[in-house]
N, C-alpha and C. Protein backbone atom coordinates (compact mmCIF):
# COMPACT_ATOMS: atom_id res chain seq x y z
N MET A 1 -76.44 101.67 -107.99
CA MET A 1 -75.01 101.48 -107.95
C MET A 1 -74.57 101.28 -106.49
N ARG A 2 -73.71 100.31 -106.30
CA ARG A 2 -73.17 100.01 -104.97
C ARG A 2 -72.05 101.00 -104.67
N ILE A 3 -72.08 101.59 -103.49
CA ILE A 3 -71.06 102.55 -103.06
C ILE A 3 -70.33 101.94 -101.88
N VAL A 4 -69.02 101.74 -102.04
CA VAL A 4 -68.21 101.09 -101.02
C VAL A 4 -67.06 102.02 -100.65
N THR A 5 -66.70 102.03 -99.38
CA THR A 5 -65.59 102.84 -98.93
C THR A 5 -64.89 102.17 -97.76
N THR A 6 -63.77 102.72 -97.39
CA THR A 6 -63.00 102.24 -96.23
C THR A 6 -63.34 103.11 -95.03
N PRO A 7 -62.94 102.72 -93.82
CA PRO A 7 -63.18 103.60 -92.67
C PRO A 7 -62.56 104.99 -92.85
N GLY A 8 -61.34 105.04 -93.39
CA GLY A 8 -60.70 106.34 -93.64
C GLY A 8 -61.46 107.13 -94.70
N GLY A 9 -61.96 106.44 -95.72
CA GLY A 9 -62.75 107.10 -96.75
C GLY A 9 -64.04 107.68 -96.19
N LYS A 10 -64.66 106.97 -95.25
CA LYS A 10 -65.89 107.47 -94.62
C LYS A 10 -65.58 108.74 -93.82
N ARG A 11 -64.44 108.75 -93.10
CA ARG A 11 -64.06 109.95 -92.36
C ARG A 11 -63.83 111.13 -93.30
N ARG A 12 -63.16 110.88 -94.43
CA ARG A 12 -62.92 111.96 -95.39
C ARG A 12 -64.23 112.44 -96.02
N LEU A 13 -65.15 111.53 -96.28
CA LEU A 13 -66.46 111.89 -96.82
C LEU A 13 -67.20 112.79 -95.84
N LEU A 14 -67.21 112.42 -94.56
CA LEU A 14 -67.90 113.24 -93.54
C LEU A 14 -67.25 114.62 -93.41
N ALA A 15 -65.92 114.67 -93.55
CA ALA A 15 -65.22 115.96 -93.49
C ALA A 15 -65.60 116.83 -94.69
N ARG A 16 -65.67 116.22 -95.90
CA ARG A 16 -66.09 116.98 -97.09
C ARG A 16 -67.52 117.48 -96.92
N LEU A 17 -68.37 116.66 -96.38
CA LEU A 17 -69.76 117.03 -96.15
C LEU A 17 -69.85 118.22 -95.19
N ALA A 18 -69.07 118.18 -94.12
CA ALA A 18 -69.06 119.29 -93.16
C ALA A 18 -68.56 120.59 -93.80
N LEU A 19 -67.53 120.49 -94.65
CA LEU A 19 -67.01 121.69 -95.32
C LEU A 19 -68.04 122.30 -96.27
N VAL A 20 -68.71 121.46 -97.06
CA VAL A 20 -69.72 121.96 -97.99
C VAL A 20 -70.89 122.55 -97.23
N ARG A 21 -71.30 121.90 -96.12
CA ARG A 21 -72.40 122.43 -95.29
C ARG A 21 -72.03 123.80 -94.74
N ALA A 22 -70.80 123.97 -94.26
CA ALA A 22 -70.35 125.26 -93.72
C ALA A 22 -70.33 126.32 -94.81
N GLU A 23 -69.89 125.96 -96.01
CA GLU A 23 -69.87 126.91 -97.12
C GLU A 23 -71.29 127.31 -97.51
N TYR A 24 -72.20 126.34 -97.54
CA TYR A 24 -73.61 126.60 -97.85
C TYR A 24 -74.21 127.55 -96.81
N ASP A 25 -73.96 127.27 -95.54
CA ASP A 25 -74.49 128.13 -94.46
C ASP A 25 -73.94 129.55 -94.56
N ALA A 26 -72.68 129.69 -94.96
CA ALA A 26 -72.07 131.01 -95.11
C ALA A 26 -72.74 131.79 -96.25
N VAL A 27 -73.06 131.11 -97.34
CA VAL A 27 -73.74 131.77 -98.46
C VAL A 27 -75.14 132.21 -98.03
N ILE A 28 -75.84 131.36 -97.31
CA ILE A 28 -77.18 131.70 -96.81
C ILE A 28 -77.09 132.93 -95.90
N ALA A 29 -76.11 132.93 -95.01
CA ALA A 29 -75.95 134.05 -94.08
C ALA A 29 -75.60 135.35 -94.81
N ASP A 30 -74.99 135.26 -95.98
CA ASP A 30 -74.59 136.43 -96.74
C ASP A 30 -75.72 136.98 -97.63
N ASN A 31 -76.81 136.24 -97.77
CA ASN A 31 -77.91 136.68 -98.64
C ASN A 31 -78.44 138.07 -98.31
N PRO A 32 -78.71 138.41 -97.04
CA PRO A 32 -79.21 139.77 -96.76
C PRO A 32 -78.23 140.86 -97.21
N THR A 33 -76.95 140.66 -96.98
CA THR A 33 -75.94 141.64 -97.39
C THR A 33 -75.91 141.76 -98.91
N ALA A 34 -75.97 140.62 -99.60
CA ALA A 34 -75.96 140.63 -101.06
C ALA A 34 -77.20 141.30 -101.61
N LEU A 35 -78.33 141.10 -100.96
CA LEU A 35 -79.58 141.72 -101.41
C LEU A 35 -79.50 143.24 -101.28
N GLU A 36 -78.88 143.71 -100.22
CA GLU A 36 -78.75 145.16 -100.01
C GLU A 36 -77.75 145.80 -100.96
N ALA A 37 -76.91 145.01 -101.58
CA ALA A 37 -75.88 145.56 -102.46
C ALA A 37 -76.44 146.09 -103.77
N GLY A 38 -77.67 145.72 -104.10
CA GLY A 38 -78.25 146.13 -105.38
C GLY A 38 -79.17 147.32 -105.22
N ASP A 39 -79.98 147.53 -106.25
CA ASP A 39 -80.93 148.64 -106.20
C ASP A 39 -82.19 148.23 -105.44
N ASN A 40 -83.21 149.04 -105.47
CA ASN A 40 -84.43 148.81 -104.70
C ASN A 40 -85.25 147.63 -105.22
N SER A 41 -84.94 147.11 -106.37
CA SER A 41 -85.76 146.04 -106.95
C SER A 41 -85.48 144.68 -106.31
N GLY A 42 -84.59 144.62 -105.34
CA GLY A 42 -84.28 143.35 -104.69
C GLY A 42 -83.29 142.56 -105.51
N TRP A 43 -83.73 141.51 -106.14
CA TRP A 43 -82.81 140.63 -106.85
C TRP A 43 -82.54 141.08 -108.28
N HIS A 44 -83.46 141.83 -108.89
CA HIS A 44 -83.32 142.20 -110.29
C HIS A 44 -82.10 143.10 -110.49
N ASP A 45 -81.24 142.74 -111.42
CA ASP A 45 -80.01 143.49 -111.72
C ASP A 45 -79.08 143.61 -110.52
N ASN A 46 -79.13 142.63 -109.63
CA ASN A 46 -78.26 142.63 -108.46
C ASN A 46 -77.29 141.45 -108.60
N PHE A 47 -76.11 141.74 -109.14
CA PHE A 47 -75.16 140.67 -109.41
C PHE A 47 -74.78 139.90 -108.14
N ALA A 48 -74.54 140.60 -107.03
CA ALA A 48 -74.11 139.93 -105.79
C ALA A 48 -75.17 138.94 -105.33
N PHE A 49 -76.44 139.34 -105.37
CA PHE A 49 -77.51 138.45 -104.92
C PHE A 49 -77.68 137.28 -105.89
N GLU A 50 -77.65 137.58 -107.18
CA GLU A 50 -77.79 136.51 -108.18
C GLU A 50 -76.64 135.50 -108.06
N GLU A 51 -75.44 135.99 -107.81
CA GLU A 51 -74.28 135.10 -107.63
C GLU A 51 -74.46 134.27 -106.36
N ASN A 52 -74.96 134.88 -105.30
CA ASN A 52 -75.24 134.12 -104.07
C ASN A 52 -76.25 133.02 -104.33
N GLN A 53 -77.28 133.33 -105.07
CA GLN A 53 -78.31 132.34 -105.37
C GLN A 53 -77.74 131.21 -106.22
N ARG A 54 -76.93 131.56 -107.22
CA ARG A 54 -76.31 130.54 -108.06
C ARG A 54 -75.42 129.63 -107.22
N ARG A 55 -74.61 130.23 -106.37
CA ARG A 55 -73.70 129.45 -105.51
C ARG A 55 -74.49 128.61 -104.51
N MET A 56 -75.55 129.16 -103.97
CA MET A 56 -76.38 128.43 -103.01
C MET A 56 -76.97 127.17 -103.65
N HIS A 57 -77.49 127.30 -104.87
CA HIS A 57 -78.06 126.14 -105.57
C HIS A 57 -76.98 125.12 -105.91
N GLN A 58 -75.82 125.60 -106.31
CA GLN A 58 -74.70 124.70 -106.62
C GLN A 58 -74.29 123.91 -105.37
N LEU A 59 -74.17 124.59 -104.23
CA LEU A 59 -73.79 123.93 -102.98
C LEU A 59 -74.88 122.99 -102.48
N ALA A 60 -76.14 123.38 -102.65
CA ALA A 60 -77.25 122.51 -102.24
C ALA A 60 -77.22 121.21 -103.03
N ARG A 61 -76.93 121.30 -104.31
CA ARG A 61 -76.82 120.11 -105.16
C ARG A 61 -75.68 119.22 -104.69
N ARG A 62 -74.52 119.82 -104.37
CA ARG A 62 -73.37 119.05 -103.88
C ARG A 62 -73.68 118.41 -102.53
N LEU A 63 -74.38 119.14 -101.66
CA LEU A 63 -74.77 118.58 -100.36
C LEU A 63 -75.65 117.35 -100.54
N ARG A 64 -76.63 117.44 -101.43
CA ARG A 64 -77.51 116.29 -101.68
C ARG A 64 -76.71 115.09 -102.19
N GLU A 65 -75.75 115.34 -103.09
CA GLU A 65 -74.91 114.25 -103.61
C GLU A 65 -74.10 113.60 -102.49
N LEU A 66 -73.46 114.41 -101.67
CA LEU A 66 -72.64 113.88 -100.58
C LEU A 66 -73.49 113.15 -99.54
N GLU A 67 -74.67 113.68 -99.25
CA GLU A 67 -75.56 113.03 -98.29
C GLU A 67 -76.05 111.68 -98.82
N ARG A 68 -76.31 111.61 -100.13
CA ARG A 68 -76.72 110.35 -100.74
C ARG A 68 -75.60 109.33 -100.63
N VAL A 69 -74.38 109.76 -100.94
CA VAL A 69 -73.23 108.85 -100.83
C VAL A 69 -73.05 108.41 -99.38
N ARG A 70 -73.13 109.34 -98.44
CA ARG A 70 -73.00 109.00 -97.02
C ARG A 70 -74.04 107.97 -96.60
N ASP A 71 -75.28 108.18 -97.03
CA ASP A 71 -76.37 107.28 -96.63
C ASP A 71 -76.27 105.90 -97.27
N GLN A 72 -75.70 105.82 -98.46
CA GLN A 72 -75.62 104.55 -99.17
C GLN A 72 -74.29 103.83 -99.01
N ALA A 73 -73.30 104.53 -98.48
CA ALA A 73 -71.95 103.96 -98.41
C ALA A 73 -71.89 102.75 -97.48
N GLU A 74 -71.29 101.71 -98.00
CA GLU A 74 -71.03 100.50 -97.24
C GLU A 74 -69.55 100.53 -96.86
N VAL A 75 -69.25 100.48 -95.58
CA VAL A 75 -67.87 100.56 -95.12
C VAL A 75 -67.32 99.14 -94.97
N VAL A 76 -66.20 98.89 -95.64
CA VAL A 76 -65.55 97.59 -95.55
C VAL A 76 -64.32 97.73 -94.64
N PRO A 77 -64.02 96.69 -93.91
CA PRO A 77 -62.85 96.78 -93.01
C PRO A 77 -61.56 96.79 -93.81
N PRO A 78 -60.50 97.37 -93.24
CA PRO A 78 -59.21 97.38 -93.92
C PRO A 78 -58.67 95.95 -94.05
N LEU A 79 -57.92 95.72 -95.11
CA LEU A 79 -57.27 94.41 -95.30
C LEU A 79 -56.08 94.31 -94.36
N GLN A 80 -56.04 93.25 -93.60
CA GLN A 80 -54.91 93.07 -92.70
C GLN A 80 -54.01 91.94 -93.17
N GLU A 81 -54.47 91.20 -94.18
CA GLU A 81 -53.66 90.11 -94.73
C GLU A 81 -53.42 90.37 -96.21
N LEU A 82 -52.45 89.68 -96.74
CA LEU A 82 -52.09 89.82 -98.14
C LEU A 82 -53.24 89.34 -99.04
N PRO A 83 -53.77 90.21 -99.89
CA PRO A 83 -54.85 89.79 -100.78
C PRO A 83 -54.31 89.00 -101.98
N GLU A 84 -55.15 88.14 -102.54
CA GLU A 84 -54.76 87.37 -103.73
C GLU A 84 -54.97 88.18 -105.00
N ARG A 85 -55.89 89.14 -104.94
CA ARG A 85 -56.18 89.98 -106.10
C ARG A 85 -56.49 91.39 -105.61
N VAL A 86 -56.53 92.32 -106.53
CA VAL A 86 -56.80 93.72 -106.17
C VAL A 86 -58.26 93.86 -105.75
N VAL A 87 -58.45 94.25 -104.50
CA VAL A 87 -59.76 94.54 -103.94
C VAL A 87 -59.66 95.87 -103.20
N LEU A 88 -60.79 96.39 -102.79
CA LEU A 88 -60.81 97.65 -102.06
C LEU A 88 -59.90 97.56 -100.83
N GLY A 89 -59.00 98.49 -100.70
CA GLY A 89 -58.07 98.52 -99.58
C GLY A 89 -56.72 97.92 -99.90
N ALA A 90 -56.59 97.19 -101.01
CA ALA A 90 -55.32 96.56 -101.35
C ALA A 90 -54.28 97.59 -101.74
N GLN A 91 -53.07 97.36 -101.28
CA GLN A 91 -51.95 98.18 -101.72
C GLN A 91 -51.40 97.52 -102.99
N ILE A 92 -51.10 98.34 -104.00
CA ILE A 92 -50.73 97.82 -105.31
C ILE A 92 -49.42 98.45 -105.76
N CYS A 93 -48.46 97.61 -106.07
CA CYS A 93 -47.21 98.07 -106.68
C CYS A 93 -47.33 97.70 -108.16
N PHE A 94 -47.18 98.70 -109.04
CA PHE A 94 -47.34 98.46 -110.47
C PHE A 94 -46.43 99.36 -111.27
N ARG A 95 -46.38 99.08 -112.56
CA ARG A 95 -45.64 99.96 -113.47
C ARG A 95 -46.35 99.94 -114.82
N PHE A 96 -46.11 101.00 -115.58
CA PHE A 96 -46.65 101.09 -116.93
C PHE A 96 -45.64 100.46 -117.89
N LEU A 97 -46.06 99.45 -118.64
CA LEU A 97 -45.17 98.73 -119.56
C LEU A 97 -44.80 99.55 -120.79
N ASP A 98 -45.65 100.51 -121.15
CA ASP A 98 -45.39 101.28 -122.36
C ASP A 98 -44.29 102.32 -122.18
N ASP A 99 -43.78 102.45 -120.97
CA ASP A 99 -42.69 103.39 -120.70
C ASP A 99 -41.61 102.66 -119.90
N PRO A 100 -40.61 102.10 -120.58
CA PRO A 100 -39.59 101.31 -119.89
C PRO A 100 -38.84 102.09 -118.81
N ALA A 101 -38.75 103.40 -118.97
CA ALA A 101 -38.04 104.22 -117.98
C ALA A 101 -38.93 104.56 -116.79
N ASP A 102 -40.21 104.22 -116.88
CA ASP A 102 -41.16 104.56 -115.81
C ASP A 102 -40.85 103.75 -114.55
N ALA A 103 -40.83 104.42 -113.44
CA ALA A 103 -40.55 103.77 -112.16
C ALA A 103 -41.79 103.03 -111.66
N GLU A 104 -41.55 102.14 -110.73
CA GLU A 104 -42.66 101.45 -110.07
C GLU A 104 -43.44 102.47 -109.25
N ARG A 105 -44.73 102.23 -109.15
CA ARG A 105 -45.60 103.11 -108.36
C ARG A 105 -46.32 102.26 -107.33
N VAL A 106 -46.62 102.87 -106.20
CA VAL A 106 -47.37 102.17 -105.16
C VAL A 106 -48.55 103.05 -104.77
N PHE A 107 -49.74 102.49 -104.93
CA PHE A 107 -50.97 103.13 -104.50
C PHE A 107 -51.77 102.09 -103.74
N TRP A 108 -52.81 102.53 -103.08
CA TRP A 108 -53.76 101.55 -102.55
C TRP A 108 -55.13 101.92 -103.10
N LEU A 109 -55.96 100.90 -103.29
CA LEU A 109 -57.27 101.09 -103.90
C LEU A 109 -58.25 101.60 -102.87
N ALA A 110 -58.67 102.84 -103.05
CA ALA A 110 -59.55 103.52 -102.10
C ALA A 110 -61.01 103.41 -102.54
N GLY A 111 -61.89 103.88 -101.68
CA GLY A 111 -63.32 103.80 -101.91
C GLY A 111 -63.85 104.81 -102.92
N PHE A 112 -65.15 104.84 -103.03
CA PHE A 112 -65.89 105.67 -103.97
C PHE A 112 -65.51 107.14 -103.84
N GLU A 113 -65.07 107.74 -104.94
CA GLU A 113 -64.69 109.16 -105.01
C GLU A 113 -63.68 109.56 -103.94
N ASP A 114 -62.80 108.63 -103.54
CA ASP A 114 -61.85 108.90 -102.47
C ASP A 114 -60.41 108.90 -102.98
N GLY A 115 -60.24 109.01 -104.27
CA GLY A 115 -58.89 109.01 -104.83
C GLY A 115 -58.15 110.30 -104.57
N ASP A 116 -56.87 110.18 -104.32
CA ASP A 116 -55.97 111.31 -104.16
C ASP A 116 -54.55 110.80 -104.44
N PRO A 117 -54.13 110.84 -105.71
CA PRO A 117 -52.81 110.30 -106.05
C PRO A 117 -51.68 110.87 -105.21
N ALA A 118 -51.77 112.14 -104.83
CA ALA A 118 -50.71 112.73 -104.01
C ALA A 118 -50.63 112.07 -102.63
N ALA A 119 -51.75 111.52 -102.17
CA ALA A 119 -51.79 110.82 -100.88
C ALA A 119 -51.64 109.31 -101.05
N GLY A 120 -51.42 108.85 -102.29
CA GLY A 120 -51.22 107.43 -102.53
C GLY A 120 -52.50 106.62 -102.67
N ARG A 121 -53.61 107.30 -103.00
CA ARG A 121 -54.90 106.61 -103.14
C ARG A 121 -55.42 106.73 -104.56
N VAL A 122 -55.91 105.59 -105.08
CA VAL A 122 -56.61 105.56 -106.36
C VAL A 122 -58.00 105.02 -106.07
N SER A 123 -59.01 105.77 -106.43
CA SER A 123 -60.39 105.36 -106.19
C SER A 123 -60.78 104.21 -107.12
N TYR A 124 -61.57 103.27 -106.61
CA TYR A 124 -61.99 102.15 -107.45
C TYR A 124 -62.89 102.58 -108.59
N ASP A 125 -63.47 103.77 -108.51
CA ASP A 125 -64.35 104.24 -109.59
C ASP A 125 -63.60 105.12 -110.60
N SER A 126 -62.28 105.23 -110.47
CA SER A 126 -61.47 105.96 -111.46
C SER A 126 -61.10 105.00 -112.58
N PRO A 127 -60.68 105.51 -113.74
CA PRO A 127 -60.27 104.60 -114.83
C PRO A 127 -59.16 103.63 -114.40
N LEU A 128 -58.14 104.12 -113.69
CA LEU A 128 -57.06 103.24 -113.26
C LEU A 128 -57.57 102.24 -112.23
N GLY A 129 -58.39 102.69 -111.28
CA GLY A 129 -58.94 101.80 -110.27
C GLY A 129 -59.78 100.69 -110.88
N ARG A 130 -60.63 101.04 -111.86
CA ARG A 130 -61.45 100.03 -112.53
C ARG A 130 -60.58 99.01 -113.26
N ALA A 131 -59.48 99.49 -113.87
CA ALA A 131 -58.59 98.58 -114.59
C ALA A 131 -57.87 97.63 -113.63
N LEU A 132 -57.50 98.11 -112.47
CA LEU A 132 -56.74 97.29 -111.52
C LEU A 132 -57.63 96.33 -110.73
N LEU A 133 -58.87 96.67 -110.51
CA LEU A 133 -59.77 95.87 -109.68
C LEU A 133 -59.84 94.42 -110.19
N GLY A 134 -59.58 93.49 -109.30
CA GLY A 134 -59.65 92.07 -109.64
C GLY A 134 -58.36 91.49 -110.20
N ALA A 135 -57.37 92.33 -110.47
CA ALA A 135 -56.10 91.83 -111.04
C ALA A 135 -55.29 91.09 -109.99
N GLU A 136 -54.46 90.18 -110.46
CA GLU A 136 -53.54 89.44 -109.60
C GLU A 136 -52.11 89.84 -109.94
N GLU A 137 -51.19 89.51 -109.05
CA GLU A 137 -49.77 89.80 -109.32
C GLU A 137 -49.38 89.17 -110.65
N GLY A 138 -48.67 89.94 -111.47
CA GLY A 138 -48.23 89.47 -112.77
C GLY A 138 -49.19 89.77 -113.91
N ASP A 139 -50.43 90.15 -113.58
CA ASP A 139 -51.41 90.47 -114.61
C ASP A 139 -51.03 91.77 -115.32
N HIS A 140 -51.46 91.86 -116.58
CA HIS A 140 -51.34 93.08 -117.36
C HIS A 140 -52.75 93.57 -117.63
N ARG A 141 -52.98 94.85 -117.44
CA ARG A 141 -54.29 95.45 -117.68
C ARG A 141 -54.14 96.67 -118.55
N GLU A 142 -55.09 96.85 -119.46
CA GLU A 142 -55.10 98.04 -120.30
C GLU A 142 -55.98 99.10 -119.65
N VAL A 143 -55.55 100.36 -119.77
CA VAL A 143 -56.31 101.48 -119.23
C VAL A 143 -56.06 102.69 -120.12
N VAL A 144 -57.08 103.51 -120.28
CA VAL A 144 -56.93 104.76 -121.03
C VAL A 144 -56.85 105.89 -120.00
N LEU A 145 -55.72 106.58 -120.00
CA LEU A 145 -55.49 107.69 -119.08
C LEU A 145 -55.17 108.94 -119.89
N GLY A 146 -55.96 109.96 -119.73
CA GLY A 146 -55.73 111.20 -120.48
C GLY A 146 -55.82 110.98 -121.98
N GLY A 147 -56.65 110.05 -122.41
CA GLY A 147 -56.82 109.78 -123.83
C GLY A 147 -55.74 108.88 -124.43
N VAL A 148 -54.82 108.40 -123.59
CA VAL A 148 -53.72 107.55 -124.06
C VAL A 148 -53.90 106.14 -123.50
N ALA A 149 -53.87 105.15 -124.39
CA ALA A 149 -53.96 103.75 -123.95
C ALA A 149 -52.63 103.34 -123.33
N ARG A 150 -52.71 102.77 -122.13
CA ARG A 150 -51.51 102.34 -121.41
C ARG A 150 -51.70 100.91 -120.95
N VAL A 151 -50.60 100.22 -120.72
CA VAL A 151 -50.64 98.85 -120.19
C VAL A 151 -49.98 98.87 -118.81
N VAL A 152 -50.70 98.35 -117.83
CA VAL A 152 -50.23 98.32 -116.45
C VAL A 152 -49.86 96.88 -116.10
N GLU A 153 -48.70 96.70 -115.47
CA GLU A 153 -48.32 95.39 -114.94
C GLU A 153 -48.39 95.45 -113.42
N ILE A 154 -49.13 94.52 -112.83
CA ILE A 154 -49.25 94.47 -111.38
C ILE A 154 -48.07 93.67 -110.86
N LEU A 155 -47.24 94.30 -110.05
CA LEU A 155 -46.01 93.68 -109.57
C LEU A 155 -46.19 92.99 -108.23
N GLU A 156 -46.90 93.64 -107.32
CA GLU A 156 -47.03 93.11 -105.97
C GLU A 156 -48.27 93.68 -105.30
N LEU A 157 -48.88 92.89 -104.43
CA LEU A 157 -50.05 93.32 -103.67
C LEU A 157 -49.74 93.28 -102.19
N GLY A 158 -50.41 94.14 -101.45
CA GLY A 158 -50.25 94.16 -100.00
C GLY A 158 -51.55 94.57 -99.33
N PRO A 159 -51.60 94.47 -98.00
CA PRO A 159 -52.79 94.88 -97.27
C PRO A 159 -52.91 96.40 -97.20
N THR A 160 -54.02 96.89 -96.68
CA THR A 160 -54.24 98.32 -96.52
C THR A 160 -53.11 98.90 -95.66
N PRO A 161 -52.52 100.02 -96.07
CA PRO A 161 -51.46 100.62 -95.27
C PRO A 161 -51.95 100.93 -93.86
N ALA A 162 -51.16 100.59 -92.86
CA ALA A 162 -51.54 100.76 -91.46
C ALA A 162 -51.84 102.20 -91.11
N ASP A 163 -51.05 103.13 -91.62
CA ASP A 163 -51.27 104.53 -91.27
C ASP A 163 -52.55 105.10 -91.89
N GLU A 164 -53.10 104.45 -92.91
CA GLU A 164 -54.32 104.95 -93.56
C GLU A 164 -55.56 104.74 -92.71
N GLU A 165 -55.66 103.63 -92.05
CA GLU A 165 -56.90 103.32 -91.34
C GLU A 165 -56.78 103.51 -89.83
N GLY A 166 -55.73 104.17 -89.38
CA GLY A 166 -55.65 104.48 -87.97
C GLY A 166 -55.02 103.38 -87.12
N ARG A 167 -54.60 102.28 -87.76
CA ARG A 167 -53.92 101.22 -87.01
C ARG A 167 -52.46 101.63 -86.86
N GLU A 168 -51.81 101.05 -85.93
CA GLU A 168 -50.39 101.31 -85.74
C GLU A 168 -49.59 100.61 -86.82
N ALA A 169 -48.59 101.27 -87.34
CA ALA A 169 -47.73 100.64 -88.35
C ALA A 169 -46.93 99.51 -87.71
N ALA A 170 -46.71 98.44 -88.45
CA ALA A 170 -46.00 97.27 -87.89
C ALA A 170 -44.52 97.53 -87.78
């Protein structure tokens, strides 16, 4: 599978990786204390140590996933011109046709696992991102969100927001 991200997405990925690494290191550092919390048998019947081990394995798995994504991620430059269709980095103004009272929404299409609706980003690997990818202004796309089929109308496209990729806003 091809993994693509933006420069801002790569920075957020590296920050997530650093946080998980720090959490993993903290669990490792806590192992001696957790081991002492139980009886003389070491790990047997020692909930604190067993929980540390479970958390350590969980974090190690997440670290491997993030490192794989980091190593395979292809960084694409931000869009500085108006795109003809929805591509990675495109800003998208759309609305859901099945709800006439629904307001227009503006998101931009972010990279792999980089979605954050509160920050105005929809990842291309999310259901909405997959539905929007390749669409042109005026297109209608169907998407299932939360088990409900919805129809999206693409109203307008724009380049990557300037504040997202570290460029100065125009």
